[in-house]
Amino acid sequence: KEQKVVIVGAGNAAMDVAAQAYHCGAKAVTAVDVQKPAAFGEELEIAKSLGTEIVWPKFTEKYSRKERKIYFNDGTSLEADFVVVSIGDMPETGFLPTSVHTHKAGWIEADEAGHTSDPRIFAIGDVTSLGLVTNAIGHGRRAAEAVHAFLSGVSYNRPYRKMVVPYDRIKTAYYDVCRGEQPSVTPSSEASRCMSCATCRDCHMCEVTCYYGAISRKELTGGLYEYVVDENLCIGCGFCAGTCPCGIWEMVENV
């Protein structure tokens, strides 16, 4: 707390670091970059609103832990109790055998389960493409299943792919409300309200909102569930589609 933080890099990831530094009690946060900052959108706005200063062009030369200063090649320096390197680079693939194919841009070619052109090598996450943390987590899980199948000498069966709901149908305001209602935020609670998956999170909002009781929750085997509509009770008001934070419900004209 009360420390001066310098972030090397000024992309959106660096802005996330800046915001979290302030949340952890940082006194001042400065992001430096060798070129015009790549940060944009909400990440940039939040970081700036908290007081983040962005300085460029700055080529970092060294950091002196003893002096608590970061030096640049133009002879200037900044006081820094804590330095975080947040630079987005292309993956280093030079060590890979030629049996592993890569794209012209440098990414490793791999399918959704991490299979590469070499059956003994799997690749996931940011070495295959840019993406969200949630994408990398899902990629890792599928790759783990594929590796298990490979080591077990059996074929890999692609799991059932859930429908992906367009982002413009997801109402993020509801997630902020749910967060405020929680006494404490934990990794488990955050995972259960992940927006990137765009699947039902069993919040019961559609069921509670339906004035005529047309929607009910049905228990399935294996701990699964589904929400079903009684067509004899539904009047087509659209409240369920309007209130669903995940964009699951879709109104279809009854012809």
Foldseek 3Di string as FASTA:
>chain_A
DQFEEEEEAAALVVLVVLLVCVVVPYNAYEYEYLDDHNYDDPSVVSSVVSPYHYDDDFAWDAADCVQQWTATPVGDIDRGNYYHYDDDDADDDPVPDPQFDADPVQATDADLLQQTSDNVGGDFDPSHHDDDPVSRVSSVVSVVQCVVCVVVVHHRDDDDQDDFDDPVLAACVVVVVVVVVDPDDDPVNCVLPDQRRLDDSPPCPLQVPPPQNQWDKAADPPRDIDIDGDPVRDPQPCVSCVPRNSNPDDGDDDD
